[in-house]
Amino acid sequence: MARPGVSEYGSVDPAPPSKEEKVAKLCSTLLDENAKMFERMRALFSLRNNRSPEAVDSLCLGFASSSALLRHELAYVLGQMQDPLAVPKLIEVLSDKNEHVMVRHEAAEALGAIGDRRAKPVLQEFLHDSLPEVSESCEVALDLLALCESKQNIDW
């Protein structure tokens, strides 16, 4: 049973999804640096709920945003979606030492949530990152990957 304000992912999002359904328009809003952050967040959650490959691509384009808050939320929702299409972009974000620490931390956790083995080498690489937010998130992500591998055929 859906609860008001709770997404299909079980999270209470900081903004409700937009009523717009066209991925191209949602992407345009997401990428619009002049739009209000609330509207960009609404577009972000609509794209997450869309779940199409085009929506994943649009969300990945959002990492070009100047807002670390938005980039953090992008990584978070890509982790919720668990779509392997996002893995290369999340690896790129985690690997960027100039990226904001909270965005890198969220990218690591998203990689763990997706459970794609391609992430393992980069998570291991940053397991000893000088920033504890990053290293600890990589540790959690690697443990989650190990759990996914050990329970691969078990529905948990």
C-alpha atoms as a PDB file:
ATOM      1  CA  MET A   1       0.000   0.000   0.000  1.00  0.00           C
ATOM      2  CA  ALA A   2       1.467   3.359  -1.026  1.00  0.00           C
ATOM      3  CA  ARG A   3       1.809   5.948   1.680  1.00  0.00           C
ATOM      4  CA  PRO A   4       1.486   9.655   0.823  1.00  0.00           C
ATOM      5  CA  GLY A   5       4.875  11.202   0.140  1.00  0.00           C
ATOM      6  CA  VAL A   6       6.658   7.820   0.001  1.00  0.00           C
ATOM      7  CA  SER A   7       8.103   6.801  -3.362  1.00  0.00           C
ATOM      8  CA  GLU A   8       7.865   3.350  -4.888  1.00  0.00           C
ATOM      9  CA  TYR A   9      11.421   2.925  -3.583  1.00  0.00           C
ATOM     10  CA  GLY A  10      10.303   3.452   0.008  1.00  0.00           C
ATOM     11  CA  SER A  11      12.015   6.839   0.296  1.00  0.00           C
ATOM     12  CA  VAL A  12      10.520  10.181   1.191  1.00  0.00           C
ATOM     13  CA  ASP A  13      11.899  12.411  -1.539  1.00  0.00           C
ATOM     14  CA  PRO A  14      12.724  16.093  -1.031  1.00  0.00           C
ATOM     15  CA  ALA A  15      10.388  16.985  -3.918  1.00  0.00           C
ATOM     16  CA  PRO A  16       7.432  15.240  -5.542  1.00  0.00           C
ATOM     17  CA  PRO A  17       7.909  13.963  -9.078  1.00  0.00           C
ATOM     18  CA  SER A  18       6.952  16.325 -11.877  1.00  0.00           C
ATOM     19  CA  LYS A  19       3.702  15.736 -13.699  1.00  0.00           C
ATOM     20  CA  GLU A  20       5.683  15.957 -16.958  1.00  0.00           C
ATOM     21  CA  GLU A  21       6.222  12.539 -18.523  1.00  0.00           C
ATOM     22  CA  LYS A  22       8.363  13.281 -21.585  1.00  0.00           C
ATOM     23  CA  VAL A  23      11.947  12.280 -20.896  1.00  0.00           C
ATOM     24  CA  ALA A  24      13.364  15.001 -23.177  1.00  0.00           C
ATOM     25  CA  LYS A  25      11.492  17.752 -21.315  1.00  0.00           C
ATOM     26  CA  LEU A  26      12.424  16.301 -17.924  1.00  0.00           C
ATOM     27  CA  CYS A  27      16.064  16.119 -19.014  1.00  0.00           C
ATOM     28  CA  SER A  28      15.931  19.729 -20.173  1.00  0.00           C
ATOM     29  CA  THR A  29      14.630  20.839 -16.772  1.00  0.00           C
ATOM     30  CA  LEU A  30      17.191  18.723 -14.931  1.00  0.00           C
ATOM     31  CA  LEU A  31      20.047  20.276 -16.905  1.00  0.00           C
ATOM     32  CA  ASP A  32      18.746  23.870 -16.725  1.00  0.00           C
ATOM     33  CA  GLU A  33      21.158  25.700 -14.414  1.00  0.00           C
ATOM     34  CA  ASN A  34      18.693  28.631 -14.274  1.00  0.00           C
ATOM     35  CA  ALA A  35      15.720  26.542 -13.142  1.00  0.00           C
ATOM     36  CA  LYS A  36      14.774  26.445  -9.472  1.00  0.00           C
ATOM     37  CA  MET A  37      16.388  23.538  -7.642  1.00  0.00           C
ATOM     38  CA  PHE A  38      12.943  22.304  -6.569  1.00  0.00           C
ATOM     39  CA  GLU A  39      11.884  21.928 -10.229  1.00  0.00           C
ATOM     40  CA  ARG A  40      15.159  20.217 -11.115  1.00  0.00           C
ATOM     41  CA  MET A  41      14.614  17.771  -8.243  1.00  0.00           C
ATOM     42  CA  ARG A  42      11.061  17.107  -9.430  1.00  0.00           C
ATOM     43  CA  ALA A  43      12.448  16.280 -12.881  1.00  0.00           C
ATOM     44  CA  LEU A  44      15.089  14.034 -11.292  1.00  0.00           C
ATOM     45  CA  PHE A  45      12.490  11.982  -9.405  1.00  0.00           C
ATOM     46  CA  SER A  46      10.262  11.722 -12.474  1.00  0.00           C
ATOM     47  CA  LEU A  47      13.198  10.392 -14.482  1.00  0.00           C
ATOM     48  CA  ARG A  48      13.959   7.896 -11.711  1.00  0.00           C
ATOM     49  CA  ASN A  49      10.350   6.720 -11.721  1.00  0.00           C
ATOM     50  CA  ASN A  50      10.389   6.412 -15.523  1.00  0.00           C
ATOM     51  CA  ARG A  51      13.109   3.701 -15.318  1.00  0.00           C
ATOM     52  CA  SER A  52      13.797   3.684 -19.087  1.00  0.00           C
ATOM     53  CA  PRO A  53      17.304   3.573 -20.559  1.00  0.00           C
ATOM     54  CA  GLU A  54      16.704   7.126 -21.811  1.00  0.00           C
ATOM     55  CA  ALA A  55      15.859   8.238 -18.280  1.00  0.00           C
ATOM     56  CA  VAL A  56      19.059   6.645 -16.943  1.00  0.00           C
ATOM     57  CA  ASP A  57      21.064   8.418 -19.661  1.00  0.00           C
ATOM     58  CA  SER A  58      19.383  11.724 -18.769  1.00  0.00           C
ATOM     59  CA  LEU A  59      20.189  11.276 -15.096  1.00  0.00           C
ATOM     60  CA  CYS A  60      23.816  10.538 -15.962  1.00  0.00           C
ATOM     61  CA  LEU A  61      23.978  13.758 -17.990  1.00  0.00           C
ATOM     62  CA  GLY A  62      22.978  15.607 -14.828  1.00  0.00           C
ATOM     63  CA  PHE A  63      26.437  15.044 -13.323  1.00  0.00           C
ATOM     64  CA  ALA A  64      27.533  18.051 -15.417  1.00  0.00           C
ATOM     65  CA  SER A  65      25.503  20.230 -13.025  1.00  0.00           C
ATOM     66  CA  SER A  66      27.301  22.843 -10.947  1.00  0.00           C
ATOM     67  CA  SER A  67      25.236  21.782  -7.911  1.00  0.00           C
ATOM     68  CA  ALA A  68      26.896  19.212  -5.639  1.00  0.00           C
ATOM     69  CA  LEU A  69      23.508  18.700  -3.979  1.00  0.00           C
ATOM     70  CA  LEU A  70      21.932  17.703  -7.285  1.00  0.00           C
ATOM     71  CA  ARG A  71      24.886  15.471  -8.217  1.00  0.00           C
ATOM     72  CA  HIS A  72      24.623  13.746  -4.827  1.00  0.00           C
ATOM     73  CA  GLU A  73      20.902  13.133  -5.369  1.00  0.00           C
ATOM     74  CA  LEU A  74      21.614  11.819  -8.880  1.00  0.00           C
ATOM     75  CA  ALA A  75      23.975   9.194  -7.491  1.00  0.00           C
ATOM     76  CA  TYR A  76      21.435   8.294  -4.824  1.00  0.00           C
ATOM     77  CA  VAL A  77      18.567   7.722  -7.272  1.00  0.00           C
ATOM     78  CA  LEU A  78      20.788   5.766  -9.660  1.00  0.00           C
ATOM     79  CA  GLY A  79      21.525   3.473  -6.737  1.00  0.00           C
ATOM     80  CA  GLN A  80      17.811   3.153  -6.063  1.00  0.00           C
ATOM     81  CA  MET A  81      17.142   2.268  -9.699  1.00  0.00           C
ATOM     82  CA  GLN A  82      19.858  -0.414  -9.699  1.00  0.00           C
ATOM     83  CA  ASP A  83      20.264  -0.116 -13.465  1.00  0.00           C
ATOM     84  CA  PRO A  84      23.639  -1.373 -14.754  1.00  0.00           C
ATOM     85  CA  LEU A  85      23.551   1.309 -17.482  1.00  0.00           C
ATOM     86  CA  ALA A  86      24.614   3.819 -14.804  1.00  0.00           C
ATOM     87  CA  VAL A  87      27.719   1.872 -13.724  1.00  0.00           C
ATOM     88  CA  PRO A  88      30.258   3.516 -16.092  1.00  0.00           C
ATOM     89  CA  LYS A  89      29.148   7.030 -15.093  1.00  0.00           C
ATOM     90  CA  LEU A  90      29.141   6.197 -11.381  1.00  0.00           C
ATOM     91  CA  ILE A  91      32.658   4.742 -11.713  1.00  0.00           C
ATOM     92  CA  GLU A  92      33.743   7.965 -13.421  1.00  0.00           C
ATOM     93  CA  VAL A  93      32.200  10.060 -10.615  1.00  0.00           C
ATOM     94  CA  LEU A  94      33.776   7.975  -7.837  1.00  0.00           C
ATOM     95  CA  SER A  95      37.154   8.127  -9.578  1.00  0.00           C
ATOM     96  CA  ASP A  96      37.118  11.935  -9.917  1.00  0.00           C
ATOM     97  CA  LYS A  97      39.171  13.202  -6.988  1.00  0.00           C
ATOM     98  CA  ASN A  98      37.996  16.751  -7.776  1.00  0.00           C
ATOM     99  CA  GLU A  99      34.372  15.739  -7.229  1.00  0.00           C
ATOM    100  CA  HIS A 100      32.706  16.743  -3.949  1.00  0.00           C
ATOM    101  CA  VAL A 101      33.285  14.104  -1.262  1.00  0.00           C
ATOM    102  CA  MET A 102      29.567  13.536  -0.665  1.00  0.00           C
ATOM    103  CA  VAL A 103      28.958  12.914  -4.361  1.00  0.00           C
ATOM    104  CA  ARG A 104      31.834  10.414  -4.480  1.00  0.00           C
ATOM    105  CA  HIS A 105      30.530   8.708  -1.333  1.00  0.00           C
ATOM    106  CA  GLU A 106      27.054   8.378  -2.834  1.00  0.00           C
ATOM    107  CA  ALA A 107      28.467   7.082  -6.140  1.00  0.00           C
ATOM    108  CA  ALA A 108      30.310   4.336  -4.227  1.00  0.00           C
ATOM    109  CA  GLU A 109      27.170   3.328  -2.363  1.00  0.00           C
ATOM    110  CA  ALA A 110      25.156   3.368  -5.601  1.00  0.00           C
ATOM    111  CA  LEU A 111      27.693   1.041  -7.213  1.00  0.00           C
ATOM    112  CA  GLY A 112      27.264  -1.362  -4.309  1.00  0.00           C
ATOM    113  CA  ALA A 113      23.480  -1.171  -4.565  1.00  0.00           C
ATOM    114  CA  ILE A 114      23.550  -1.924  -8.290  1.00  0.00           C
ATOM    115  CA  GLY A 115      25.617  -5.029  -7.620  1.00  0.00           C
ATOM    116  CA  ASP A 116      27.497  -5.048 -10.925  1.00  0.00           C
ATOM    117  CA  ARG A 117      30.899  -6.767 -10.755  1.00  0.00           C
ATOM    118  CA  ARG A 118      32.447  -4.148 -13.059  1.00  0.00           C
ATOM    119  CA  ALA A 119      32.491  -1.836 -10.046  1.00  0.00           C
ATOM    120  CA  LYS A 120      34.634  -4.101  -7.883  1.00  0.00           C
ATOM    121  CA  PRO A 121      38.100  -2.972  -9.081  1.00  0.00           C
ATOM    122  CA  VAL A 122      37.335   0.734  -8.665  1.00  0.00           C
ATOM    123  CA  LEU A 123      35.720   0.173  -5.265  1.00  0.00           C
ATOM    124  CA  GLN A 124      38.846  -1.716  -4.213  1.00  0.00           C
ATOM    125  CA  GLU A 125      41.022   1.088  -5.572  1.00  0.00           C
ATOM    126  CA  PHE A 126      39.296   3.675  -3.375  1.00  0.00           C
ATOM    127  CA  LEU A 127      38.951   1.427  -0.340  1.00  0.00           C
ATOM    128  CA  HIS A 128      41.936   3.292   1.105  1.00  0.00           C
ATOM    129  CA  ASP A 129      41.000   6.774  -0.108  1.00  0.00           C
ATOM    130  CA  SER A 130      42.276   9.557   2.154  1.00  0.00           C
ATOM    131  CA  LEU A 131      38.683  10.699   2.675  1.00  0.00           C
ATOM    132  CA  PRO A 132      36.924   8.413   5.164  1.00  0.00           C
ATOM    133  CA  GLU A 133      33.519   9.160   3.635  1.00  0.00           C
ATOM    134  CA  VAL A 134      34.766   7.641   0.388  1.00  0.00           C
ATOM    135  CA  SER A 135      36.796   4.765   1.818  1.00  0.00           C
ATOM    136  CA  GLU A 136      34.050   3.686   4.226  1.00  0.00           C
ATOM    137  CA  SER A 137      31.424   3.866   1.463  1.00  0.00           C
ATOM    138  CA  CYS A 138      33.637   1.678  -0.726  1.00  0.00           C
ATOM    139  CA  GLU A 139      33.941  -0.793   2.139  1.00  0.00           C
ATOM    140  CA  VAL A 140      30.154  -0.948   2.497  1.00  0.00           C
ATOM    141  CA  ALA A 141      29.706  -1.248  -1.268  1.00  0.00           C
ATOM    142  CA  LEU A 142      32.222  -4.102  -1.514  1.00  0.00           C
ATOM    143  CA  ASP A 143      30.491  -5.937   1.330  1.00  0.00           C
ATOM    144  CA  LEU A 144      27.162  -5.483  -0.458  1.00  0.00           C
ATOM    145  CA  LEU A 145      28.684  -6.794  -3.705  1.00  0.00           C
ATOM    146  CA  ALA A 146      30.000  -9.843  -1.820  1.00  0.00           C
ATOM    147  CA  LEU A 147      26.565 -10.398  -0.314  1.00  0.00           C
ATOM    148  CA  CYS A 148      24.941 -10.135  -3.744  1.00  0.00           C
ATOM    149  CA  GLU A 149      27.428 -12.629  -5.178  1.00  0.00           C
ATOM    150  CA  SER A 150      26.892 -15.104  -2.349  1.00  0.00           C
ATOM    151  CA  LYS A 151      23.116 -14.873  -2.611  1.00  0.00           C
ATOM    152  CA  GLN A 152      22.981 -14.563  -6.374  1.00  0.00           C
ATOM    153  CA  ASN A 153      20.221 -17.143  -6.804  1.00  0.00           C
ATOM    154  CA  ILE A 154      18.451 -16.474  -3.524  1.00  0.00           C
ATOM    155  CA  ASP A 155      15.560 -14.021  -3.340  1.00  0.00           C
ATOM    156  CA  TRP A 156      16.216 -11.813  -0.307  1.00  0.00           C
END
